[in-house]
Amino acid sequence: MKKETLLVALGGNALIQKGQRGTIEEQFANLEVPMAQLARLSRRYRIIITHGNGPQVGNLLRQQECCHELPRLPLEILVAQTQGQIGYMIESTLDTELMQLGVSTGQPLITVITYVVVSEDDPAFKNPTKPIGPAYSKEVAAKMPYPMHKTAKGYRRVVVSPQPVTIVEKREIKRLIDMDFIVICCGGGGIPVVREGRRFCGVDAVIDKDLASAKLAEEIGVDLFIIASDVKGVFLDYDRAGRKFLQKLTVSQAETYLGQGQFPAGSMGPKVQAALNFIRSNGKRAVIGHISEIEKAVESKAGTEITL
């Protein structure tokens, strides 16, 4: 029987957790828990892995700011760099977990450098909203030379984040999945490009990885969409003492809460919107949950499930 397709969108905490420096050793260690789960799930599902790159791109930007002798690189180049970097780390960690299960020999892995088309008329180019890099205190953020927004983790740098229009490599990714490859793609939301005639040209922006993941899920026909982050799921009044966890959330409820501002743009908002986009595109199930509970989320035993 043909296996269903599972897309798991890993948050930035998959590699760098709160309070960590983000050393390579820490990042490899942090990947062990989600990769062990995905290795087990690969027995029952065809797997697509997408991932964030906010801390890594933020660090590259900071490194550039500390060195004035070399030319600075635009964001789309930094996104491409981190796709290769994080893809390698995911592949090597997942391969180890597969070997421990005795299935590595017959399970091919591949990282696809992924372009995502955006519209040059997108209003986002006039309003940076996407948080990247580390969180700062209010006092430190006030001294930064670039836009900073308050998020659930603190004050973070924000950059332009246009909406994904289409995934350029969607056909190639679909073929690889049909050949039973585990595919790592759309890293950091993909490399943002616009069409100029028959060519693609990179733009200085970052695409939200959950929205890009939902677009990919729609375009290749994913069955189950899991957004794995550092919280157990979706809450009402998250920053208040009486916050309420939502185990189930309908599309209409989610739209209402989004309109009320319950899910901030810098944190839960894009995740909920991505899940809504997926369900509206005839997706079967979408779950937002903790990165340590991916398997439970697949079994509807953890996280917040979005339904019609």
C-alpha atoms as a PDB file:
ATOM      1  CA  MET A   1       0.000   0.000   0.000  1.00  0.00           C
ATOM      2  CA  LYS A   2       1.253   3.462  -0.903  1.00  0.00           C
ATOM      3  CA  LYS A   3       2.427   5.336   2.159  1.00  0.00           C
ATOM      4  CA  GLU A   4       0.879   8.711   2.989  1.00  0.00           C
ATOM      5  CA  THR A   5       3.087  11.793   2.813  1.00  0.00           C
ATOM      6  CA  LEU A   6       4.029  13.601   6.027  1.00  0.00           C
ATOM      7  CA  LEU A   7       5.549  17.081   5.979  1.00  0.00           C
ATOM      8  CA  VAL A   8       7.219  18.205   9.211  1.00  0.00           C
ATOM      9  CA  ALA A   9       8.210  21.865   9.524  1.00  0.00           C
ATOM     10  CA  LEU A  10      10.912  22.137  12.187  1.00  0.00           C
ATOM     11  CA  GLY A  11      11.207  25.410  14.084  1.00  0.00           C
ATOM     12  CA  GLY A  12      14.492  27.162  14.730  1.00  0.00           C
ATOM     13  CA  ASN A  13      14.617  25.528  18.179  1.00  0.00           C
ATOM     14  CA  ALA A  14      15.279  22.212  16.434  1.00  0.00           C
ATOM     15  CA  LEU A  15      18.914  23.282  16.303  1.00  0.00           C
ATOM     16  CA  ILE A  16      19.346  26.078  18.850  1.00  0.00           C
ATOM     17  CA  GLN A  17      17.342  26.085  22.075  1.00  0.00           C
ATOM     18  CA  LYS A  18      16.672  28.966  24.433  1.00  0.00           C
ATOM     19  CA  GLY A  19      19.743  29.972  26.431  1.00  0.00           C
ATOM     20  CA  GLN A  20      22.210  28.137  24.208  1.00  0.00           C
ATOM     21  CA  ARG A  21      25.124  29.736  22.324  1.00  0.00           C
ATOM     22  CA  GLY A  22      24.345  27.780  19.195  1.00  0.00           C
ATOM     23  CA  THR A  23      27.586  25.828  18.899  1.00  0.00           C
ATOM     24  CA  ILE A  24      27.756  23.082  16.288  1.00  0.00           C
ATOM     25  CA  GLU A  25      27.879  20.499  19.085  1.00  0.00           C
ATOM     26  CA  GLU A  26      24.657  21.900  20.576  1.00  0.00           C
ATOM     27  CA  GLN A  27      22.910  21.942  17.219  1.00  0.00           C
ATOM     28  CA  PHE A  28      23.773  18.328  16.424  1.00  0.00           C
ATOM     29  CA  ALA A  29      22.660  17.231  19.911  1.00  0.00           C
ATOM     30  CA  ASN A  30      19.350  19.106  19.586  1.00  0.00           C
ATOM     31  CA  LEU A  31      18.568  17.340  16.307  1.00  0.00           C
ATOM     32  CA  GLU A  32      18.739  13.878  17.856  1.00  0.00           C
ATOM     33  CA  VAL A  33      15.224  13.952  19.375  1.00  0.00           C
ATOM     34  CA  PRO A  34      13.281  15.040  16.260  1.00  0.00           C
ATOM     35  CA  MET A  35      15.394  12.910  13.913  1.00  0.00           C
ATOM     36  CA  ALA A  36      14.874   9.784  16.017  1.00  0.00           C
ATOM     37  CA  GLN A  37      11.120  10.327  15.737  1.00  0.00           C
ATOM     38  CA  LEU A  38      11.238  10.939  11.989  1.00  0.00           C
ATOM     39  CA  ALA A  39      13.365   7.830  11.473  1.00  0.00           C
ATOM     40  CA  ARG A  40      10.669   5.745  13.153  1.00  0.00           C
ATOM     41  CA  LEU A  41       7.893   7.517  11.241  1.00  0.00           C
ATOM     42  CA  SER A  42       9.648   6.822   7.920  1.00  0.00           C
ATOM     43  CA  ARG A  43       8.515   3.202   8.248  1.00  0.00           C
ATOM     44  CA  ARG A  44       4.893   4.359   7.824  1.00  0.00           C
ATOM     45  CA  TYR A  45       5.136   7.666   5.933  1.00  0.00           C
ATOM     46  CA  ARG A  46       6.943   9.293   3.065  1.00  0.00           C
ATOM     47  CA  ILE A  47       8.775  12.155   4.770  1.00  0.00           C
ATOM     48  CA  ILE A  48       9.418  15.777   3.809  1.00  0.00           C
ATOM     49  CA  ILE A  49      11.378  17.942   6.246  1.00  0.00           C
ATOM     50  CA  THR A  50      11.407  21.730   6.147  1.00  0.00           C
ATOM     51  CA  HIS A  51      13.169  23.888   8.704  1.00  0.00           C
ATOM     52  CA  GLY A  52      13.707  27.377  10.027  1.00  0.00           C
ATOM     53  CA  ASN A  53      17.014  29.229   9.896  1.00  0.00           C
ATOM     54  CA  GLY A  54      16.405  32.433  11.858  1.00  0.00           C
ATOM     55  CA  PRO A  55      19.232  31.964  14.393  1.00  0.00           C
ATOM     56  CA  GLN A  56      21.699  30.859  11.711  1.00  0.00           C
ATOM     57  CA  VAL A  57      20.915  33.718   9.314  1.00  0.00           C
ATOM     58  CA  GLY A  58      20.933  36.142  12.231  1.00  0.00           C
ATOM     59  CA  ASN A  59      24.393  34.958  13.225  1.00  0.00           C
ATOM     60  CA  LEU A  60      25.671  35.321   9.655  1.00  0.00           C
ATOM     61  CA  LEU A  61      24.317  38.862   9.531  1.00  0.00           C
ATOM     62  CA  ARG A  62      26.053  39.679  12.821  1.00  0.00           C
ATOM     63  CA  GLN A  63      29.306  38.193  11.534  1.00  0.00           C
ATOM     64  CA  GLN A  64      29.096  40.409   8.466  1.00  0.00           C
ATOM     65  CA  GLU A  65      28.580  43.455  10.643  1.00  0.00           C
ATOM     66  CA  CYS A  66      31.756  42.641  12.563  1.00  0.00           C
ATOM     67  CA  CYS A  67      33.918  42.453   9.447  1.00  0.00           C
ATOM     68  CA  HIS A  68      34.109  45.452   7.134  1.00  0.00           C
ATOM     69  CA  GLU A  69      36.957  44.195   4.939  1.00  0.00           C
ATOM     70  CA  LEU A  70      34.768  41.779   2.952  1.00  0.00           C
ATOM     71  CA  PRO A  71      31.694  42.573   0.821  1.00  0.00           C
ATOM     72  CA  ARG A  72      28.370  41.884   2.513  1.00  0.00           C
ATOM     73  CA  LEU A  73      26.054  39.192   1.170  1.00  0.00           C
ATOM     74  CA  PRO A  74      22.321  39.722   0.599  1.00  0.00           C
ATOM     75  CA  LEU A  75      19.742  37.743   2.509  1.00  0.00           C
ATOM     76  CA  GLU A  76      18.889  35.344  -0.316  1.00  0.00           C
ATOM     77  CA  ILE A  77      22.546  34.215  -0.421  1.00  0.00           C
ATOM     78  CA  LEU A  78      22.598  33.714   3.351  1.00  0.00           C
ATOM     79  CA  VAL A  79      19.401  31.659   3.092  1.00  0.00           C
ATOM     80  CA  ALA A  80      21.038  29.500   0.404  1.00  0.00           C
ATOM     81  CA  GLN A  81      24.090  29.005   2.632  1.00  0.00           C
ATOM     82  CA  THR A  82      21.997  27.879   5.581  1.00  0.00           C
ATOM     83  CA  GLN A  83      19.960  25.497   3.419  1.00  0.00           C
ATOM     84  CA  GLY A  84      23.159  23.590   2.688  1.00  0.00           C
ATOM     85  CA  GLN A  85      24.479  23.884   6.244  1.00  0.00           C
ATOM     86  CA  ILE A  86      21.322  22.740   8.022  1.00  0.00           C
ATOM     87  CA  GLY A  87      20.491  20.177   5.339  1.00  0.00           C
ATOM     88  CA  TYR A  88      23.842  18.523   5.967  1.00  0.00           C
ATOM     89  CA  MET A  89      23.243  18.470   9.734  1.00  0.00           C
ATOM     90  CA  ILE A  90      19.753  17.011   9.365  1.00  0.00           C
ATOM     91  CA  GLU A  91      20.903  14.381   6.859  1.00  0.00           C
ATOM     92  CA  SER A  92      23.830  13.190   8.943  1.00  0.00           C
ATOM     93  CA  THR A  93      21.801  13.039  12.179  1.00  0.00           C
ATOM     94  CA  LEU A  94      18.844  11.324  10.522  1.00  0.00           C
ATOM     95  CA  ASP A  95      21.129   8.833   8.779  1.00  0.00           C
ATOM     96  CA  THR A  96      22.588   7.855  12.154  1.00  0.00           C
ATOM     97  CA  GLU A  97      19.106   7.311  13.588  1.00  0.00           C
ATOM     98  CA  LEU A  98      18.076   5.254  10.564  1.00  0.00           C
ATOM     99  CA  MET A  99      21.180   3.074  10.915  1.00  0.00           C
ATOM    100  CA  GLN A 100      20.276   2.409  14.536  1.00  0.00           C
ATOM    101  CA  LEU A 101      16.899   1.157  13.316  1.00  0.00           C
ATOM    102  CA  GLY A 102      18.568  -0.957  10.666  1.00  0.00           C
ATOM    103  CA  VAL A 103      16.831   0.781   7.737  1.00  0.00           C
ATOM    104  CA  SER A 104      19.516   3.166   6.481  1.00  0.00           C
ATOM    105  CA  THR A 105      20.632   1.050   3.527  1.00  0.00           C
ATOM    106  CA  GLY A 106      17.287   1.208   1.776  1.00  0.00           C
ATOM    107  CA  GLN A 107      16.291   4.747   2.738  1.00  0.00           C
ATOM    108  CA  PRO A 108      17.836   7.488   0.563  1.00  0.00           C
ATOM    109  CA  LEU A 109      18.080  11.083   1.829  1.00  0.00           C
ATOM    110  CA  ILE A 110      18.507  14.290  -0.132  1.00  0.00           C
ATOM    111  CA  THR A 111      18.605  18.042   0.501  1.00  0.00           C
ATOM    112  CA  VAL A 112      17.111  20.195  -2.251  1.00  0.00           C
ATOM    113  CA  ILE A 113      18.218  23.823  -2.575  1.00  0.00           C
ATOM    114  CA  THR A 114      14.812  25.434  -2.969  1.00  0.00           C
ATOM    115  CA  TYR A 115      13.658  28.680  -4.617  1.00  0.00           C
ATOM    116  CA  VAL A 116      10.315  30.211  -3.690  1.00  0.00           C
ATOM    117  CA  VAL A 117       8.680  32.736  -5.997  1.00  0.00           C
ATOM    118  CA  VAL A 118       7.342  35.939  -4.410  1.00  0.00           C
ATOM    119  CA  SER A 119       5.627  38.924  -5.982  1.00  0.00           C
ATOM    120  CA  GLU A 120       7.649  42.093  -6.373  1.00  0.00           C
ATOM    121  CA  ASP A 121       4.398  43.975  -5.680  1.00  0.00           C
ATOM    122  CA  ASP A 122       3.935  42.290  -2.301  1.00  0.00           C
ATOM    123  CA  PRO A 123       3.186  45.039   0.287  1.00  0.00           C
ATOM    124  CA  ALA A 124       5.537  43.278   2.724  1.00  0.00           C
ATOM    125  CA  PHE A 125       8.483  44.939   0.968  1.00  0.00           C
ATOM    126  CA  LYS A 126       7.394  48.188   2.623  1.00  0.00           C
ATOM    127  CA  ASN A 127       6.998  46.718   6.111  1.00  0.00           C
ATOM    128  CA  PRO A 128       9.595  44.366   7.708  1.00  0.00           C
ATOM    129  CA  THR A 129       7.914  41.914  10.118  1.00  0.00           C
ATOM    130  CA  LYS A 130       9.846  38.603  10.059  1.00  0.00           C
ATOM    131  CA  PRO A 131      11.969  38.070  13.207  1.00  0.00           C
ATOM    132  CA  ILE A 132      15.434  36.567  12.736  1.00  0.00           C
ATOM    133  CA  GLY A 133      18.482  36.093  14.923  1.00  0.00           C
ATOM    134  CA  PRO A 134      18.764  36.213  18.724  1.00  0.00           C
ATOM    135  CA  ALA A 135      16.426  37.910  21.210  1.00  0.00           C
ATOM    136  CA  TYR A 136      17.532  41.023  23.119  1.00  0.00           C
ATOM    137  CA  SER A 137      16.316  43.019  26.090  1.00  0.00           C
ATOM    138  CA  LYS A 138      14.379  46.218  25.454  1.00  0.00           C
ATOM    139  CA  GLU A 139      17.399  48.316  26.448  1.00  0.00           C
ATOM    140  CA  VAL A 140      19.798  46.552  24.084  1.00  0.00           C
ATOM    141  CA  ALA A 141      17.239  46.504  21.251  1.00  0.00           C
ATOM    142  CA  ALA A 142      16.853  50.279  21.463  1.00  0.00           C
ATOM    143  CA  LYS A 143      20.528  50.680  20.479  1.00  0.00           C
ATOM    144  CA  MET A 144      20.350  48.429  17.400  1.00  0.00           C
ATOM    145  CA  PRO A 145      20.741  50.080  13.964  1.00  0.00           C
ATOM    146  CA  TYR A 146      17.909  48.096  12.339  1.00  0.00           C
ATOM    147  CA  PRO A 147      14.165  47.504  12.965  1.00  0.00           C
ATOM    148  CA  MET A 148      13.369  45.525  16.118  1.00  0.00           C
ATOM    149  CA  HIS A 149      10.001  44.078  17.183  1.00  0.00           C
ATOM    150  CA  LYS A 150       8.894  42.598  20.472  1.00  0.00           C
ATOM    151  CA  THR A 151       8.209  38.846  20.267  1.00  0.00           C
ATOM    152  CA  ALA A 152       7.376  36.144  22.811  1.00  0.00           C
ATOM    153  CA  LYS A 153      11.127  35.518  23.195  1.00  0.00           C
ATOM    154  CA  GLY A 154      12.161  39.172  23.514  1.00  0.00           C
ATOM    155  CA  TYR A 155      13.101  41.890  21.054  1.00  0.00           C
ATOM    156  CA  ARG A 156      14.356  40.557  17.713  1.00  0.00           C
ATOM    157  CA  ARG A 157      15.512  41.996  14.432  1.00  0.00           C
ATOM    158  CA  VAL A 158      12.821  41.993  11.728  1.00  0.00           C
ATOM    159  CA  VAL A 159      13.244  41.807   7.966  1.00  0.00           C
ATOM    160  CA  VAL A 160      10.940  41.876   4.942  1.00  0.00           C
ATOM    161  CA  SER A 161       8.816  38.709   4.581  1.00  0.00           C
ATOM    162  CA  PRO A 162       6.696  38.440   1.398  1.00  0.00           C
ATOM    163  CA  GLN A 163       4.085  35.723   0.838  1.00  0.00           C
ATOM    164  CA  PRO A 164       5.163  32.566  -1.043  1.00  0.00           C
ATOM    165  CA  VAL A 165       3.530  32.274  -4.465  1.00  0.00           C
ATOM    166  CA  THR A 166       4.892  28.920  -5.643  1.00  0.00           C
ATOM    167  CA  ILE A 167       7.743  26.496  -4.946  1.00  0.00           C
ATOM    168  CA  VAL A 168      10.002  26.340  -8.014  1.00  0.00           C
ATOM    169  CA  GLU A 169      11.272  22.774  -7.376  1.00  0.00           C
ATOM    170  CA  LYS A 170       7.869  21.292  -6.493  1.00  0.00           C
ATOM    171  CA  ARG A 171       7.947  18.816  -9.402  1.00  0.00           C
ATOM    172  CA  GLU A 172      11.408  17.554  -8.512  1.00  0.00           C
ATOM    173  CA  ILE A 173      10.432  17.203  -4.846  1.00  0.00           C
ATOM    174  CA  LYS A 174       7.294  15.256  -5.797  1.00  0.00           C
ATOM    175  CA  ARG A 175       9.324  12.868  -7.969  1.00  0.00           C
ATOM    176  CA  LEU A 176      11.823  12.275  -5.180  1.00  0.00           C
ATOM    177  CA  ILE A 177       9.045  11.562  -2.688  1.00  0.00           C
ATOM    178  CA  ASP A 178       7.461   9.116  -5.131  1.00  0.00           C
ATOM    179  CA  MET A 179      10.874   7.374  -5.287  1.00  0.00           C
ATOM    180  CA  ASP A 180      10.759   7.073  -1.456  1.00  0.00           C
ATOM    181  CA  PHE A 181      13.485   9.638  -0.763  1.00  0.00           C
ATOM    182  CA  ILE A 182      13.320  11.533   2.510  1.00  0.00           C
ATOM    183  CA  VAL A 183      13.510  15.108   1.227  1.00  0.00           C
ATOM    184  CA  ILE A 184      14.849  18.120   3.129  1.00  0.00           C
ATOM    185  CA  CYS A 185      13.772  21.304   1.367  1.00  0.00           C
ATOM    186  CA  CYS A 186      12.381  24.854   1.672  1.00  0.00           C
ATOM    187  CA  GLY A 187      15.015  25.578   4.319  1.00  0.00           C
ATOM    188  CA  GLY A 188      14.405  28.927   5.980  1.00  0.00           C
ATOM    189  CA  GLY A 189      11.277  29.372   3.874  1.00  0.00           C
ATOM    190  CA  GLY A 190      13.208  28.981   0.637  1.00  0.00           C
ATOM    191  CA  ILE A 191      15.375  31.369  -1.358  1.00  0.00           C
ATOM    192  CA  PRO A 192      13.074  34.295  -2.285  1.00  0.00           C
ATOM    193  CA  VAL A 193      13.058  35.041  -6.005  1.00  0.00           C
ATOM    194  CA  VAL A 194      10.993  37.075  -8.485  1.00  0.00           C
ATOM    195  CA  ARG A 195      10.516  36.394 -12.177  1.00  0.00           C
ATOM    196  CA  GLU A 196      12.197  38.666 -14.676  1.00  0.00           C
ATOM    197  CA  GLY A 197      11.191  37.352 -18.073  1.00  0.00           C
ATOM    198  CA  ARG A 198      12.204  33.696 -18.060  1.00  0.00           C
ATOM    199  CA  ARG A 199      14.798  34.165 -15.306  1.00  0.00           C
ATOM    200  CA  PHE A 200      14.579  34.071 -11.520  1.00  0.00           C
ATOM    201  CA  CYS A 201      16.290  36.845  -9.591  1.00  0.00           C
ATOM    202  CA  GLY A 202      16.924  36.730  -5.852  1.00  0.00           C
ATOM    203  CA  VAL A 203      15.510  39.445  -3.601  1.00  0.00           C
ATOM    204  CA  ASP A 204      16.635  40.697  -0.191  1.00  0.00           C
ATOM    205  CA  ALA A 205      13.969  39.082   1.977  1.00  0.00           C
ATOM    206  CA  VAL A 206      13.117  36.060   4.141  1.00  0.00           C
ATOM    207  CA  ILE A 207       9.983  33.956   3.639  1.00  0.00           C
ATOM    208  CA  ASP A 208       8.204  32.472   6.643  1.00  0.00           C
ATOM    209  CA  LYS A 209       9.074  28.788   6.639  1.00  0.00           C
ATOM    210  CA  ASP A 210       5.650  27.638   7.851  1.00  0.00           C
ATOM    211  CA  LEU A 211       3.844  29.522   5.077  1.00  0.00           C
ATOM    212  CA  ALA A 212       6.303  28.198   2.487  1.00  0.00           C
ATOM    213  CA  SER A 213       5.859  24.686   3.894  1.00  0.00           C
ATOM    214  CA  ALA A 214       2.062  24.973   3.594  1.00  0.00           C
ATOM    215  CA  LYS A 215       2.435  26.124  -0.017  1.00  0.00           C
ATOM    216  CA  LEU A 216       4.669  23.131  -0.789  1.00  0.00           C
ATOM    217  CA  ALA A 217       2.220  20.797   0.980  1.00  0.00           C
ATOM    218  CA  GLU A 218      -0.585  22.182  -1.165  1.00  0.00           C
ATOM    219  CA  GLU A 219       1.325  21.927  -4.443  1.00  0.00           C
ATOM    220  CA  ILE A 220       2.517  18.322  -4.077  1.00  0.00           C
ATOM    221  CA  GLY A 221      -0.469  16.864  -2.203  1.00  0.00           C
ATOM    222  CA  VAL A 222       0.734  16.217   1.352  1.00  0.00           C
ATOM    223  CA  ASP A 223      -1.593  14.209   3.619  1.00  0.00           C
ATOM    224  CA  LEU A 224      -0.425  15.349   7.059  1.00  0.00           C
ATOM    225  CA  PHE A 225       1.244  18.670   7.989  1.00  0.00           C
ATOM    226  CA  ILE A 226       3.030  18.959  11.361  1.00  0.00           C
ATOM    227  CA  ILE A 227       4.443  22.280  12.567  1.00  0.00           C
ATOM    228  CA  ALA A 228       6.943  21.424  15.320  1.00  0.00           C
ATOM    229  CA  SER A 229       7.977  24.307  17.585  1.00  0.00           C
ATOM    230  CA  ASP A 230       9.046  24.974  21.171  1.00  0.00           C
ATOM    231  CA  VAL A 231       5.503  25.121  22.604  1.00  0.00           C
ATOM    232  CA  LYS A 232       3.014  22.289  23.117  1.00  0.00           C
ATOM    233  CA  GLY A 233       0.466  23.862  20.779  1.00  0.00           C
ATOM    234  CA  VAL A 234      -1.856  26.837  20.413  1.00  0.00           C
ATOM    235  CA  PHE A 235      -2.993  28.859  23.425  1.00  0.00           C
ATOM    236  CA  LEU A 236      -5.469  31.637  24.040  1.00  0.00           C
ATOM    237  CA  ASP A 237      -4.067  34.555  26.075  1.00  0.00           C
ATOM    238  CA  TYR A 238      -0.613  32.969  25.865  1.00  0.00           C
ATOM    239  CA  ASP A 239       1.204  35.729  27.786  1.00  0.00           C
ATOM    240  CA  ARG A 240      -1.324  35.783  30.643  1.00  0.00           C
ATOM    241  CA  ALA A 241      -1.567  33.702  33.812  1.00  0.00           C
ATOM    242  CA  GLY A 242      -4.883  32.115  32.827  1.00  0.00           C
ATOM    243  CA  ARG A 243      -3.842  31.029  29.355  1.00  0.00           C
ATOM    244  CA  LYS A 244      -5.866  28.230  27.780  1.00  0.00           C
ATOM    245  CA  PHE A 245      -4.490  25.386  25.696  1.00  0.00           C
ATOM    246  CA  LEU A 246      -6.519  24.477  22.608  1.00  0.00           C
ATOM    247  CA  GLN A 247      -6.407  20.785  21.767  1.00  0.00           C
ATOM    248  CA  LYS A 248      -8.757  21.235  18.791  1.00  0.00           C
ATOM    249  CA  LEU A 249      -9.237  24.335  16.667  1.00  0.00           C
ATOM    250  CA  THR A 250     -11.636  24.721  13.748  1.00  0.00           C
ATOM    251  CA  VAL A 251     -10.898  26.892  10.748  1.00  0.00           C
ATOM    252  CA  SER A 252     -13.625  29.365  11.701  1.00  0.00           C
ATOM    253  CA  GLN A 253     -12.391  29.568  15.298  1.00  0.00           C
ATOM    254  CA  ALA A 254      -8.832  30.136  14.161  1.00  0.00           C
ATOM    255  CA  GLU A 255      -9.903  32.923  11.819  1.00  0.00           C
ATOM    256  CA  THR A 256     -11.808  34.603  14.650  1.00  0.00           C
ATOM    257  CA  TYR A 257      -8.888  34.393  17.070  1.00  0.00           C
ATOM    258  CA  LEU A 258      -6.473  35.667  14.411  1.00  0.00           C
ATOM    259  CA  GLY A 259      -8.743  38.672  13.898  1.00  0.00           C
ATOM    260  CA  GLN A 260      -8.743  39.302  17.647  1.00  0.00           C
ATOM    261  CA  GLY A 261      -4.933  39.365  17.730  1.00  0.00           C
ATOM    262  CA  GLN A 262      -4.627  36.213  19.827  1.00  0.00           C
ATOM    263  CA  PHE A 263      -1.803  34.875  17.660  1.00  0.00           C
ATOM    264  CA  PRO A 264       0.994  37.461  17.168  1.00  0.00           C
ATOM    265  CA  ALA A 265       2.616  37.905  13.771  1.00  0.00           C
ATOM    266  CA  GLY A 266       6.078  37.249  15.207  1.00  0.00           C
ATOM    267  CA  SER A 267       5.288  33.884  16.768  1.00  0.00           C
ATOM    268  CA  MET A 268       2.095  31.794  16.543  1.00  0.00           C
ATOM    269  CA  GLY A 269       0.320  33.838  13.856  1.00  0.00           C
ATOM    270  CA  PRO A 270       2.162  32.434  10.798  1.00  0.00           C
ATOM    271  CA  LYS A 271       1.880  28.889  12.164  1.00  0.00           C
ATOM    272  CA  VAL A 272      -1.892  29.106  12.520  1.00  0.00           C
ATOM    273  CA  GLN A 273      -2.198  30.811   9.139  1.00  0.00           C
ATOM    274  CA  ALA A 274      -0.060  28.108   7.519  1.00  0.00           C
ATOM    275  CA  ALA A 275      -2.253  25.383   9.001  1.00  0.00           C
ATOM    276  CA  LEU A 276      -5.361  27.187   7.736  1.00  0.00           C
ATOM    277  CA  ASN A 277      -3.875  27.512   4.249  1.00  0.00           C
ATOM    278  CA  PHE A 278      -3.114  23.803   4.205  1.00  0.00           C
ATOM    279  CA  ILE A 279      -6.583  22.705   5.347  1.00  0.00           C
ATOM    280  CA  ARG A 280      -8.260  25.032   2.840  1.00  0.00           C
ATOM    281  CA  SER A 281      -6.208  23.453   0.042  1.00  0.00           C
ATOM    282  CA  ASN A 282      -7.839  20.078   0.784  1.00  0.00           C
ATOM    283  CA  GLY A 283      -5.166  18.998   3.248  1.00  0.00           C
ATOM    284  CA  LYS A 284      -6.343  16.199   5.533  1.00  0.00           C
ATOM    285  CA  ARG A 285      -4.787  17.086   8.900  1.00  0.00           C
ATOM    286  CA  ALA A 286      -2.630  19.863  10.358  1.00  0.00           C
ATOM    287  CA  VAL A 287      -1.141  19.837  13.858  1.00  0.00           C
ATOM    288  CA  ILE A 288       0.912  22.446  15.717  1.00  0.00           C
ATOM    289  CA  GLY A 289       2.908  20.913  18.562  1.00  0.00           C
ATOM    290  CA  HIS A 290       6.179  20.530  20.434  1.00  0.00           C
ATOM    291  CA  ILE A 291       9.258  19.269  18.638  1.00  0.00           C
ATOM    292  CA  SER A 292       9.665  16.457  21.185  1.00  0.00           C
ATOM    293  CA  GLU A 293       6.125  15.193  20.502  1.00  0.00           C
ATOM    294  CA  ILE A 294       6.070  14.790  16.722  1.00  0.00           C
ATOM    295  CA  GLU A 295       5.052  11.130  16.884  1.00  0.00           C
ATOM    296  CA  LYS A 296       2.270  11.890  19.367  1.00  0.00           C
ATOM    297  CA  ALA A 297       1.065  14.726  17.140  1.00  0.00           C
ATOM    298  CA  VAL A 298       0.868  12.313  14.216  1.00  0.00           C
ATOM    299  CA  GLU A 299      -1.293  10.024  16.378  1.00  0.00           C
ATOM    300  CA  SER A 300      -3.530  12.951  17.531  1.00  0.00           C
ATOM    301  CA  LYS A 301      -2.234  12.530  21.093  1.00  0.00           C
ATOM    302  CA  ALA A 302      -0.421  15.883  21.384  1.00  0.00           C
ATOM    303  CA  GLY A 303      -0.459  19.376  19.955  1.00  0.00           C
ATOM    304  CA  THR A 304      -3.314  21.447  18.542  1.00  0.00           C
ATOM    305  CA  GLU A 305      -5.139  19.874  15.614  1.00  0.00           C
ATOM    306  CA  ILE A 306      -6.689  22.211  13.046  1.00  0.00           C
ATOM    307  CA  THR A 307      -9.897  20.887  11.470  1.00  0.00           C
ATOM    308  CA  LEU A 308     -12.663  22.150   9.207  1.00  0.00           C
END
